[in-house]
Amino acid sequence: MLSPFSSEKKQMVSFCSPSGEELRKFTEELRESITEVNEMEQIHIQWELKREQGVQTHTPHTNGGQMGTHSAHTGSPTGCCRPTT
């Protein structure tokens, strides 16, 4: 759906419930979920920035003829995703 007030696209959701209380609970839980997703996204962005800074500050060094880089971070801060290389 295109907003008449801006060029920004917005999604519309219809929710039918037998009571206003159920609708209130649903919207409250939806807001909480959106807040949690936004917080997790910020954590992920911060983690990626720290990981990138760690990769840039570590220079390769020789160890018995082998090249290697070391990073303090090896996984996702949430433990749910693998870092991309």
PDB file of N, CA and C in Angstrom:
ATOM      1  N   MET A   1       0.851  -1.170   0.000  1.00  0.00           N
ATOM      2  CA  MET A   1       0.000   0.000   0.000  1.00  0.00           C
ATOM      3  C   MET A   1       0.897   1.234   0.000  1.00  0.00           C
ATOM      4  N   LEU A   2       0.572   2.192  -0.793  1.00  0.00           N
ATOM      5  CA  LEU A   2       1.340   3.428  -0.891  1.00  0.00           C
ATOM      6  C   LEU A   2       0.664   4.494  -0.044  1.00  0.00           C
ATOM      7  N   SER A   3       1.427   5.106   0.841  1.00  0.00           N
ATOM      8  CA  SER A   3       0.881   6.147   1.710  1.00  0.00           C
ATOM      9  C   SER A   3       0.570   7.397   0.894  1.00  0.00           C
ATOM     10  N   PRO A   4      -0.590   8.019   1.124  1.00  0.00           N
ATOM     11  CA  PRO A   4      -0.901   9.254   0.397  1.00  0.00           C
ATOM     12  C   PRO A   4      -0.053  10.437   0.862  1.00  0.00           C
ATOM     13  N   PHE A   5       0.618  10.294   2.009  1.00  0.00           N
ATOM     14  CA  PHE A   5       1.396  11.388   2.581  1.00  0.00           C
ATOM     15  C   PHE A   5       2.874  11.331   2.223  1.00  0.00           C
ATOM     16  N   SER A   6       3.328  10.211   1.710  1.00  0.00           N
ATOM     17  CA  SER A   6       4.734  10.073   1.328  1.00  0.00           C
ATOM     18  C   SER A   6       4.859   8.991   0.265  1.00  0.00           C
ATOM     19  N   SER A   7       6.056   8.836  -0.256  1.00  0.00           N
ATOM     20  CA  SER A   7       6.287   7.790  -1.259  1.00  0.00           C
ATOM     21  C   SER A   7       6.660   6.465  -0.600  1.00  0.00           C
ATOM     22  N   GLU A   8       6.634   6.429   0.720  1.00  0.00           N
ATOM     23  CA  GLU A   8       7.002   5.227   1.464  1.00  0.00           C
ATOM     24  C   GLU A   8       5.896   4.176   1.357  1.00  0.00           C
ATOM     25  N   LYS A   9       6.302   2.938   1.099  1.00  0.00           N
ATOM     26  CA  LYS A   9       5.330   1.851   1.040  1.00  0.00           C
ATOM     27  C   LYS A   9       5.089   1.338   2.450  1.00  0.00           C
ATOM     28  N   LYS A  10       3.839   1.053   2.759  1.00  0.00           N
ATOM     29  CA  LYS A  10       3.480   0.527   4.068  1.00  0.00           C
ATOM     30  C   LYS A  10       2.595  -0.692   3.878  1.00  0.00           C
ATOM     31  N   GLN A  11       2.666  -1.600   4.836  1.00  0.00           N
ATOM     32  CA  GLN A  11       1.822  -2.782   4.783  1.00  0.00           C
ATOM     33  C   GLN A  11       0.648  -2.592   5.722  1.00  0.00           C
ATOM     34  N   MET A  12      -0.495  -3.113   5.310  1.00  0.00           N
ATOM     35  CA  MET A  12      -1.687  -3.015   6.130  1.00  0.00           C
ATOM     36  C   MET A  12      -2.088  -4.420   6.554  1.00  0.00           C
ATOM     37  N   VAL A  13      -2.485  -4.554   7.814  1.00  0.00           N
ATOM     38  CA  VAL A  13      -2.903  -5.837   8.345  1.00  0.00           C
ATOM     39  C   VAL A  13      -4.324  -5.694   8.861  1.00  0.00           C
ATOM     40  N   SER A  14      -5.159  -6.655   8.526  1.00  0.00           N
ATOM     41  CA  SER A  14      -6.522  -6.691   9.064  1.00  0.00           C
ATOM     42  C   SER A  14      -6.579  -7.785  10.112  1.00  0.00           C
ATOM     43  N   PHE A  15      -7.202  -7.496  11.226  1.00  0.00           N
ATOM     44  CA  PHE A  15      -7.301  -8.463  12.309  1.00  0.00           C
ATOM     45  C   PHE A  15      -8.732  -8.462  12.816  1.00  0.00           C
ATOM     46  N   CYS A  16      -9.356  -9.609  12.779  1.00  0.00           N
ATOM     47  CA  CYS A  16     -10.726  -9.738  13.281  1.00  0.00           C
ATOM     48  C   CYS A  16     -10.679 -10.503  14.589  1.00  0.00           C
ATOM     49  N   SER A  17     -11.296  -9.951  15.603  1.00  0.00           N
ATOM     50  CA  SER A  17     -11.333 -10.645  16.884  1.00  0.00           C
ATOM     51  C   SER A  17     -12.720 -10.473  17.492  1.00  0.00           C
ATOM     52  N   PRO A  18     -13.104 -11.440  18.303  1.00  0.00           N
ATOM     53  CA  PRO A  18     -14.423 -11.345  18.929  1.00  0.00           C
ATOM     54  C   PRO A  18     -14.491 -10.273  20.022  1.00  0.00           C
ATOM     55  N   SER A  19     -13.324  -9.815  20.488  1.00  0.00           N
ATOM     56  CA  SER A  19     -13.361  -8.806  21.554  1.00  0.00           C
ATOM     57  C   SER A  19     -12.235  -7.793  21.379  1.00  0.00           C
ATOM     58  N   GLY A  20     -12.448  -6.641  21.941  1.00  0.00           N
ATOM     59  CA  GLY A  20     -11.429  -5.601  21.918  1.00  0.00           C
ATOM     60  C   GLY A  20     -10.213  -5.981  22.745  1.00  0.00           C
ATOM     61  N   GLU A  21     -10.427  -6.785  23.786  1.00  0.00           N
ATOM     62  CA  GLU A  21      -9.324  -7.220  24.646  1.00  0.00           C
ATOM     63  C   GLU A  21      -8.333  -8.079  23.865  1.00  0.00           C
ATOM     64  N   GLU A  22      -8.845  -8.985  23.034  1.00  0.00           N
ATOM     65  CA  GLU A  22      -7.954  -9.808  22.211  1.00  0.00           C
ATOM     66  C   GLU A  22      -7.175  -8.952  21.221  1.00  0.00           C
ATOM     67  N   LEU A  23      -7.817  -7.971  20.650  1.00  0.00           N
ATOM     68  CA  LEU A  23      -7.148  -7.065  19.718  1.00  0.00           C
ATOM     69  C   LEU A  23      -6.059  -6.272  20.437  1.00  0.00           C
ATOM     70  N   ARG A  24      -6.347  -5.811  21.645  1.00  0.00           N
ATOM     71  CA  ARG A  24      -5.365  -5.072  22.440  1.00  0.00           C
ATOM     72  C   ARG A  24      -4.163  -5.947  22.757  1.00  0.00           C
ATOM     73  N   LYS A  25      -4.405  -7.192  23.179  1.00  0.00           N
ATOM     74  CA  LYS A  25      -3.309  -8.116  23.484  1.00  0.00           C
ATOM     75  C   LYS A  25      -2.461  -8.385  22.243  1.00  0.00           C
ATOM     76  N   PHE A  26      -3.131  -8.593  21.116  1.00  0.00           N
ATOM     77  CA  PHE A  26      -2.412  -8.859  19.873  1.00  0.00           C
ATOM     78  C   PHE A  26      -1.513  -7.691  19.500  1.00  0.00           C
ATOM     79  N   THR A  27      -2.048  -6.475  19.539  1.00  0.00           N
ATOM     80  CA  THR A  27      -1.240  -5.314  19.153  1.00  0.00           C
ATOM     81  C   THR A  27      -0.100  -5.085  20.138  1.00  0.00           C
ATOM     82  N   GLU A  28      -0.336  -5.350  21.415  1.00  0.00           N
ATOM     83  CA  GLU A  28       0.734  -5.207  22.414  1.00  0.00           C
ATOM     84  C   GLU A  28       1.861  -6.206  22.141  1.00  0.00           C
ATOM     85  N   GLU A  29       1.501  -7.454  21.878  1.00  0.00           N
ATOM     86  CA  GLU A  29       2.512  -8.473  21.585  1.00  0.00           C
ATOM     87  C   GLU A  29       3.237  -8.180  20.275  1.00  0.00           C
ATOM     88  N   LEU A  30       2.516  -7.660  19.303  1.00  0.00           N
ATOM     89  CA  LEU A  30       3.136  -7.301  18.032  1.00  0.00           C
ATOM     90  C   LEU A  30       4.156  -6.184  18.227  1.00  0.00           C
ATOM     91  N   ARG A  31       3.808  -5.173  19.007  1.00  0.00           N
ATOM     92  CA  ARG A  31       4.755  -4.080  19.294  1.00  0.00           C
ATOM     93  C   ARG A  31       5.994  -4.605  20.009  1.00  0.00           C
ATOM     94  N   GLU A  32       5.793  -5.495  20.986  1.00  0.00           N
ATOM     95  CA  GLU A  32       6.931  -6.075  21.707  1.00  0.00           C
ATOM     96  C   GLU A  32       7.829  -6.868  20.754  1.00  0.00           C
ATOM     97  N   SER A  33       7.222  -7.622  19.861  1.00  0.00           N
ATOM     98  CA  SER A  33       8.002  -8.408  18.898  1.00  0.00           C
ATOM     99  C   SER A  33       8.807  -7.510  17.974  1.00  0.00           C
ATOM    100  N   ILE A  34       8.199  -6.436  17.512  1.00  0.00           N
ATOM    101  CA  ILE A  34       8.905  -5.494  16.639  1.00  0.00           C
ATOM    102  C   ILE A  34      10.071  -4.862  17.380  1.00  0.00           C
ATOM    103  N   THR A  35       9.861  -4.493  18.641  1.00  0.00           N
ATOM    104  CA  THR A  35      10.932  -3.915  19.456  1.00  0.00           C
ATOM    105  C   THR A  35      12.078  -4.910  19.618  1.00  0.00           C
ATOM    106  N   GLU A  36      11.753  -6.171  19.900  1.00  0.00           N
ATOM    107  CA  GLU A  36      12.784  -7.195  20.066  1.00  0.00           C
ATOM    108  C   GLU A  36      13.574  -7.405  18.778  1.00  0.00           C
ATOM    109  N   VAL A  37      12.886  -7.434  17.653  1.00  0.00           N
ATOM    110  CA  VAL A  37      13.571  -7.608  16.369  1.00  0.00           C
ATOM    111  C   VAL A  37      14.507  -6.435  16.111  1.00  0.00           C
ATOM    112  N   ASN A  38      14.055  -5.224  16.388  1.00  0.00           N
ATOM    113  CA  ASN A  38      14.904  -4.043  16.198  1.00  0.00           C
ATOM    114  C   ASN A  38      16.130  -4.092  17.103  1.00  0.00           C
ATOM    115  N   GLU A  39      15.950  -4.527  18.355  1.00  0.00           N
ATOM    116  CA  GLU A  39      17.082  -4.643  19.281  1.00  0.00           C
ATOM    117  C   GLU A  39      18.074  -5.694  18.787  1.00  0.00           C
ATOM    118  N   MET A  40      17.570  -6.840  18.322  1.00  0.00           N
ATOM    119  CA  MET A  40      18.452  -7.889  17.817  1.00  0.00           C
ATOM    120  C   MET A  40      19.197  -7.416  16.573  1.00  0.00           C
ATOM    121  N   GLU A  41      18.531  -6.644  15.742  1.00  0.00           N
ATOM    122  CA  GLU A  41      19.192  -6.113  14.551  1.00  0.00           C
ATOM    123  C   GLU A  41      20.323  -5.168  14.944  1.00  0.00           C
ATOM    124  N   GLN A  42      20.104  -4.333  15.957  1.00  0.00           N
ATOM    125  CA  GLN A  42      21.153  -3.425  16.421  1.00  0.00           C
ATOM    126  C   GLN A  42      22.333  -4.204  16.999  1.00  0.00           C
ATOM    127  N   ILE A  43      22.045  -5.254  17.765  1.00  0.00           N
ATOM    128  CA  ILE A  43      23.113  -6.094  18.317  1.00  0.00           C
ATOM    129  C   ILE A  43      23.909  -6.736  17.185  1.00  0.00           C
ATOM    130  N   HIS A  44      23.205  -7.226  16.180  1.00  0.00           N
ATOM    131  CA  HIS A  44      23.879  -7.868  15.051  1.00  0.00           C
ATOM    132  C   HIS A  44      24.747  -6.868  14.294  1.00  0.00           C
ATOM    133  N   ILE A  45      24.248  -5.662  14.080  1.00  0.00           N
ATOM    134  CA  ILE A  45      25.024  -4.629  13.382  1.00  0.00           C
ATOM    135  C   ILE A  45      26.273  -4.284  14.182  1.00  0.00           C
ATOM    136  N   GLN A  46      26.123  -4.100  15.501  1.00  0.00           N
ATOM    137  CA  GLN A  46      27.273  -3.784  16.344  1.00  0.00           C
ATOM    138  C   GLN A  46      28.284  -4.924  16.311  1.00  0.00           C
ATOM    139  N   TRP A  47      27.804  -6.157  16.362  1.00  0.00           N
ATOM    140  CA  TRP A  47      28.697  -7.310  16.325  1.00  0.00           C
ATOM    141  C   TRP A  47      29.454  -7.357  15.001  1.00  0.00           C
ATOM    142  N   GLU A  48      28.748  -7.129  13.887  1.00  0.00           N
ATOM    143  CA  GLU A  48      29.401  -7.135  12.577  1.00  0.00           C
ATOM    144  C   GLU A  48      30.464  -6.041  12.490  1.00  0.00           C
ATOM    145  N   LEU A  49      30.163  -4.852  13.011  1.00  0.00           N
ATOM    146  CA  LEU A  49      31.143  -3.764  12.989  1.00  0.00           C
ATOM    147  C   LEU A  49      32.376  -4.127  13.808  1.00  0.00           C
ATOM    148  N   LYS A  50      32.178  -4.700  14.986  1.00  0.00           N
ATOM    149  CA  LYS A  50      33.310  -5.113  15.817  1.00  0.00           C
ATOM    150  C   LYS A  50      34.111  -6.209  15.127  1.00  0.00           C
ATOM    151  N   ARG A  51      33.408  -7.132  14.482  1.00  0.00           N
ATOM    152  CA  ARG A  51      34.084  -8.221  13.779  1.00  0.00           C
ATOM    153  C   ARG A  51      34.910  -7.664  12.628  1.00  0.00           C
ATOM    154  N   GLU A  52      34.349  -6.729  11.876  1.00  0.00           N
ATOM    155  CA  GLU A  52      35.083  -6.115  10.769  1.00  0.00           C
ATOM    156  C   GLU A  52      36.301  -5.350  11.281  1.00  0.00           C
ATOM    157  N   GLN A  53      36.153  -4.639  12.390  1.00  0.00           N
ATOM    158  CA  GLN A  53      37.285  -3.913  12.967  1.00  0.00           C
ATOM    159  C   GLN A  53      38.352  -4.893  13.422  1.00  0.00           C
ATOM    160  N   GLY A  54      37.936  -6.027  13.968  1.00  0.00           N
ATOM    161  CA  GLY A  54      38.886  -7.043  14.405  1.00  0.00           C
ATOM    162  C   GLY A  54      39.651  -7.634  13.242  1.00  0.00           C
ATOM    163  N   VAL A  55      38.990  -7.852  12.125  1.00  0.00           N
ATOM    164  CA  VAL A  55      39.650  -8.399  10.935  1.00  0.00           C
ATOM    165  C   VAL A  55      40.626  -7.387  10.377  1.00  0.00           C
ATOM    166  N   GLN A  56      40.270  -6.103  10.380  1.00  0.00           N
ATOM    167  CA  GLN A  56      41.135  -5.070   9.825  1.00  0.00           C
ATOM    168  C   GLN A  56      42.354  -4.813  10.701  1.00  0.00           C
ATOM    169  N   THR A  57      42.222  -4.938  12.018  1.00  0.00           N
ATOM    170  CA  THR A  57      43.346  -4.633  12.901  1.00  0.00           C
ATOM    171  C   THR A  57      44.322  -5.796  13.027  1.00  0.00           C
ATOM    172  N   HIS A  58      43.892  -7.004  12.711  1.00  0.00           N
ATOM    173  CA  HIS A  58      44.782  -8.159  12.789  1.00  0.00           C
ATOM    174  C   HIS A  58      45.481  -8.333  11.448  1.00  0.00           C
ATOM    175  N   THR A  59      46.802  -8.353  11.490  1.00  0.00           N
ATOM    176  CA  THR A  59      47.570  -8.548  10.264  1.00  0.00           C
ATOM    177  C   THR A  59      48.060  -9.979  10.218  1.00  0.00           C
ATOM    178  N   PRO A  60      48.176 -10.547   9.034  1.00  0.00           N
ATOM    179  CA  PRO A  60      48.682 -11.917   8.915  1.00  0.00           C
ATOM    180  C   PRO A  60      50.131 -11.994   9.410  1.00  0.00           C
ATOM    181  N   HIS A  61      50.460 -13.086  10.058  1.00  0.00           N
ATOM    182  CA  HIS A  61      51.836 -13.292  10.500  1.00  0.00           C
ATOM    183  C   HIS A  61      52.239 -14.733  10.195  1.00  0.00           C
ATOM    184  N   THR A  62      53.530 -14.953  10.115  1.00  0.00           N
ATOM    185  CA  THR A  62      54.015 -16.290   9.784  1.00  0.00           C
ATOM    186  C   THR A  62      54.204 -17.088  11.053  1.00  0.00           C
ATOM    187  N   ASN A  63      53.862 -18.368  10.955  1.00  0.00           N
ATOM    188  CA  ASN A  63      54.026 -19.281  12.070  1.00  0.00           C
ATOM    189  C   ASN A  63      54.436 -20.623  11.474  1.00  0.00           C
ATOM    190  N   GLY A  64      55.724 -20.844  11.393  1.00  0.00           N
ATOM    191  CA  GLY A  64      56.209 -22.076  10.787  1.00  0.00           C
ATOM    192  C   GLY A  64      55.947 -22.116   9.291  1.00  0.00           C
ATOM    193  N   GLY A  65      55.961 -20.957   8.659  1.00  0.00           N
ATOM    194  CA  GLY A  65      55.743 -20.907   7.220  1.00  0.00           C
ATOM    195  C   GLY A  65      54.288 -20.819   6.814  1.00  0.00           C
ATOM    196  N   GLN A  66      53.362 -20.892   7.775  1.00  0.00           N
ATOM    197  CA  GLN A  66      51.942 -20.810   7.443  1.00  0.00           C
ATOM    198  C   GLN A  66      51.432 -19.416   7.749  1.00  0.00           C
ATOM    199  N   MET A  67      50.562 -18.921   6.876  1.00  0.00           N
ATOM    200  CA  MET A  67      49.953 -17.617   7.099  1.00  0.00           C
ATOM    201  C   MET A  67      48.650 -17.839   7.858  1.00  0.00           C
ATOM    202  N   GLY A  68      48.349 -16.925   8.766  1.00  0.00           N
ATOM    203  CA  GLY A  68      47.093 -17.060   9.491  1.00  0.00           C
ATOM    204  C   GLY A  68      46.645 -15.737  10.064  1.00  0.00           C
ATOM    205  N   THR A  69      45.355 -15.599  10.234  1.00  0.00           N
ATOM    206  CA  THR A  69      44.797 -14.434  10.913  1.00  0.00           C
ATOM    207  C   THR A  69      43.986 -14.939  12.082  1.00  0.00           C
ATOM    208  N   HIS A  70      43.948 -14.160  13.103  1.00  0.00           N
ATOM    209  CA  HIS A  70      43.210 -14.545  14.297  1.00  0.00           C
ATOM    210  C   HIS A  70      42.213 -13.457  14.621  1.00  0.00           C
ATOM    211  N   SER A  71      41.029 -13.870  14.991  1.00  0.00           N
ATOM    212  CA  SER A  71      39.990 -12.926  15.388  1.00  0.00           C
ATOM    213  C   SER A  71      39.410 -13.387  16.706  1.00  0.00           C
ATOM    214  N   ALA A  72      39.061 -12.442  17.540  1.00  0.00           N
ATOM    215  CA  ALA A  72      38.497 -12.777  18.840  1.00  0.00           C
ATOM    216  C   ALA A  72      37.079 -13.309  18.703  1.00  0.00           C
ATOM    217  N   HIS A  73      36.380 -12.967  17.624  1.00  0.00           N
ATOM    218  CA  HIS A  73      34.990 -13.368  17.442  1.00  0.00           C
ATOM    219  C   HIS A  73      34.922 -14.495  16.432  1.00  0.00           C
ATOM    220  N   THR A  74      34.266 -15.596  16.818  1.00  0.00           N
ATOM    221  CA  THR A  74      34.146 -16.709  15.899  1.00  0.00           C
ATOM    222  C   THR A  74      32.710 -17.038  15.565  1.00  0.00           C
ATOM    223  N   GLY A  75      31.764 -16.490  16.264  1.00  0.00           N
ATOM    224  CA  GLY A  75      30.373 -16.812  15.992  1.00  0.00           C
ATOM    225  C   GLY A  75      29.480 -15.626  16.212  1.00  0.00           C
ATOM    226  N   SER A  76      28.216 -15.846  16.011  1.00  0.00           N
ATOM    227  CA  SER A  76      27.221 -14.792  16.166  1.00  0.00           C
ATOM    228  C   SER A  76      27.001 -14.492  17.643  1.00  0.00           C
ATOM    229  N   PRO A  77      26.679 -13.247  18.004  1.00  0.00           N
ATOM    230  CA  PRO A  77      26.427 -12.924  19.402  1.00  0.00           C
ATOM    231  C   PRO A  77      25.186 -13.622  19.925  1.00  0.00           C
ATOM    232  N   THR A  78      24.277 -13.993  19.045  1.00  0.00           N
ATOM    233  CA  THR A  78      23.065 -14.672  19.471  1.00  0.00           C
ATOM    234  C   THR A  78      23.208 -16.175  19.421  1.00  0.00           C
ATOM    235  N   GLY A  79      24.267 -16.660  18.764  1.00  0.00           N
ATOM    236  CA  GLY A  79      24.481 -18.086  18.653  1.00  0.00           C
ATOM    237  C   GLY A  79      23.589 -18.754  17.623  1.00  0.00           C
ATOM    238  N   CYS A  80      22.847 -17.962  16.835  1.00  0.00           N
ATOM    239  CA  CYS A  80      21.913 -18.558  15.887  1.00  0.00           C
ATOM    240  C   CYS A  80      22.427 -18.556  14.466  1.00  0.00           C
ATOM    241  N   CYS A  81      23.403 -17.776  14.185  1.00  0.00           N
ATOM    242  CA  CYS A  81      23.841 -17.639  12.793  1.00  0.00           C
ATOM    243  C   CYS A  81      25.349 -17.749  12.707  1.00  0.00           C
ATOM    244  N   ARG A  82      25.814 -18.235  11.570  1.00  0.00           N
ATOM    245  CA  ARG A  82      27.245 -18.283  11.325  1.00  0.00           C
ATOM    246  C   ARG A  82      27.668 -17.011  10.621  1.00  0.00           C
ATOM    247  N   PRO A  83      28.848 -16.498  10.918  1.00  0.00           N
ATOM    248  CA  PRO A  83      29.320 -15.310  10.203  1.00  0.00           C
ATOM    249  C   PRO A  83      29.614 -15.649   8.753  1.00  0.00           C
ATOM    250  N   THR A  84      29.363 -14.704   7.883  1.00  0.00           N
ATOM    251  CA  THR A  84      29.660 -14.906   6.471  1.00  0.00           C
ATOM    252  C   THR A  84      31.094 -14.519   6.195  1.00  0.00           C
ATOM    253  N   THR A  85      31.701 -15.212   5.242  1.00  0.00           N
ATOM    254  CA  THR A  85      33.087 -14.899   4.897  1.00  0.00           C
ATOM    255  C   THR A  85      33.188 -14.474   3.469  1.00  0.00           C
TER     256      THR A  85
END
